[in-house]
Amino acid sequence: MNWRANKIKKLITNHDKKILMKSITKMNQLYNKGDQALKNAIENIFIYSLDSLTFCCESSYKDLIFAKMSPSLQNNYFHQVYKSGI
């Protein structure tokens, strides 16, 4: 799962919006259709690292990523951010 986060970071750095959107869509599908173990992996690796992935990118990329994320992934992200006090 960490390779997916690294791939997304590289897509942001390279300004590759088309493949970035496909990757976020795939992450949504994996999360929504996956079993609990897969959901836990996505929550603990992808969602956890999302803040650092988007920290240095342009705000337009952040907006694009969050607009493409499913509501369940967005809710999970905000829950982790508020829980950790970031």
Protein backbone atom coordinates (compact mmCIF):
# COMPACT_ATOMS: atom_id res chain seq x y z
CA MET A 1 0.00 0.00 0.00
CA ASN A 2 2.90 2.36 0.69
CA TRP A 3 3.92 2.10 -2.98
CA ARG A 4 0.54 3.63 -3.87
CA ALA A 5 1.18 6.62 -1.60
CA ASN A 6 4.64 7.06 -3.11
CA LYS A 7 3.16 6.84 -6.61
CA ILE A 8 0.62 9.54 -5.78
CA LYS A 9 3.35 11.76 -4.33
CA LYS A 10 5.32 11.38 -7.57
CA LEU A 11 2.23 12.20 -9.65
CA ILE A 12 1.72 15.39 -7.63
CA THR A 13 5.38 16.35 -8.05
CA ASN A 14 5.25 15.69 -11.80
CA HIS A 15 1.93 17.56 -12.20
CA ASP A 16 0.32 14.51 -13.80
CA LYS A 17 -3.33 15.27 -13.05
CA LYS A 18 -4.84 12.67 -15.37
CA ILE A 19 -3.10 9.67 -13.80
CA LEU A 20 -3.44 11.21 -10.33
CA MET A 21 -7.21 11.27 -10.74
CA LYS A 22 -7.19 7.66 -11.94
CA SER A 23 -5.14 6.70 -8.88
CA ILE A 24 -7.53 8.43 -6.48
CA THR A 25 -10.47 6.76 -8.22
CA LYS A 26 -8.77 3.38 -7.82
CA MET A 27 -8.13 4.08 -4.13
CA ASN A 28 -11.84 4.89 -3.72
CA GLN A 29 -12.78 1.60 -5.37
CA LEU A 30 -10.36 -0.41 -3.26
CA TYR A 31 -11.65 1.21 -0.09
CA ASN A 32 -15.35 0.89 -0.93
CA LYS A 33 -15.19 -2.71 -2.17
CA GLY A 34 -12.41 -4.02 0.07
CA ASP A 35 -12.69 -6.17 3.15
CA GLN A 36 -11.91 -4.76 6.59
CA ALA A 37 -8.20 -5.64 6.36
CA LEU A 38 -7.84 -3.66 3.12
CA LYS A 39 -9.81 -0.73 4.54
CA ASN A 40 -7.54 -0.72 7.60
CA ALA A 41 -4.46 -0.70 5.36
CA ILE A 42 -5.79 2.22 3.32
CA GLU A 43 -6.71 4.14 6.47
CA ASN A 44 -3.38 3.47 8.20
CA ILE A 45 -1.08 4.09 5.24
CA PHE A 46 -2.74 6.11 2.50
CA ILE A 47 -4.97 8.34 4.60
CA TYR A 48 -2.30 8.77 7.25
CA SER A 49 0.28 9.84 4.67
CA LEU A 50 -2.12 12.03 2.66
CA ASP A 51 -1.40 15.11 4.76
CA SER A 52 2.32 14.88 4.07
CA LEU A 53 1.63 14.12 0.39
CA THR A 54 -0.37 17.29 -0.05
CA PHE A 55 1.60 19.53 2.34
CA CYS A 56 3.92 20.98 -0.29
CA CYS A 57 1.67 20.84 -3.32
CA GLU A 58 -0.35 23.69 -4.76
CA SER A 59 -3.75 24.27 -3.22
CA SER A 60 -5.36 23.46 -6.58
CA TYR A 61 -3.95 19.93 -6.30
CA LYS A 62 -5.26 19.56 -2.76
CA ASP A 63 -8.69 20.69 -3.92
CA LEU A 64 -8.54 18.30 -6.85
CA ILE A 65 -7.54 15.34 -4.68
CA PHE A 66 -10.20 15.96 -2.06
CA ALA A 67 -12.86 16.59 -4.69
CA LYS A 68 -12.08 13.21 -6.24
CA MET A 69 -11.93 11.29 -2.95
CA SER A 70 -15.04 9.45 -1.89
CA PRO A 71 -16.97 10.89 1.08
CA SER A 72 -15.98 7.89 3.22
CA LEU A 73 -12.26 8.49 2.55
CA GLN A 74 -12.67 12.22 3.18
CA ASN A 75 -14.44 11.55 6.47
CA ASN A 76 -11.72 9.14 7.49
CA TYR A 77 -9.05 11.69 6.63
CA PHE A 78 -10.71 14.46 8.64
CA HIS A 79 -11.27 12.09 11.56
CA GLN A 80 -7.55 11.25 11.60
CA VAL A 81 -6.52 14.89 11.30
CA TYR A 82 -8.80 16.06 14.12
CA LYS A 83 -7.93 13.06 16.29
CA SER A 84 -4.20 13.71 15.94
CA GLY A 85 -4.51 17.48 16.34
CA ILE A 86 -2.67 18.21 13.07
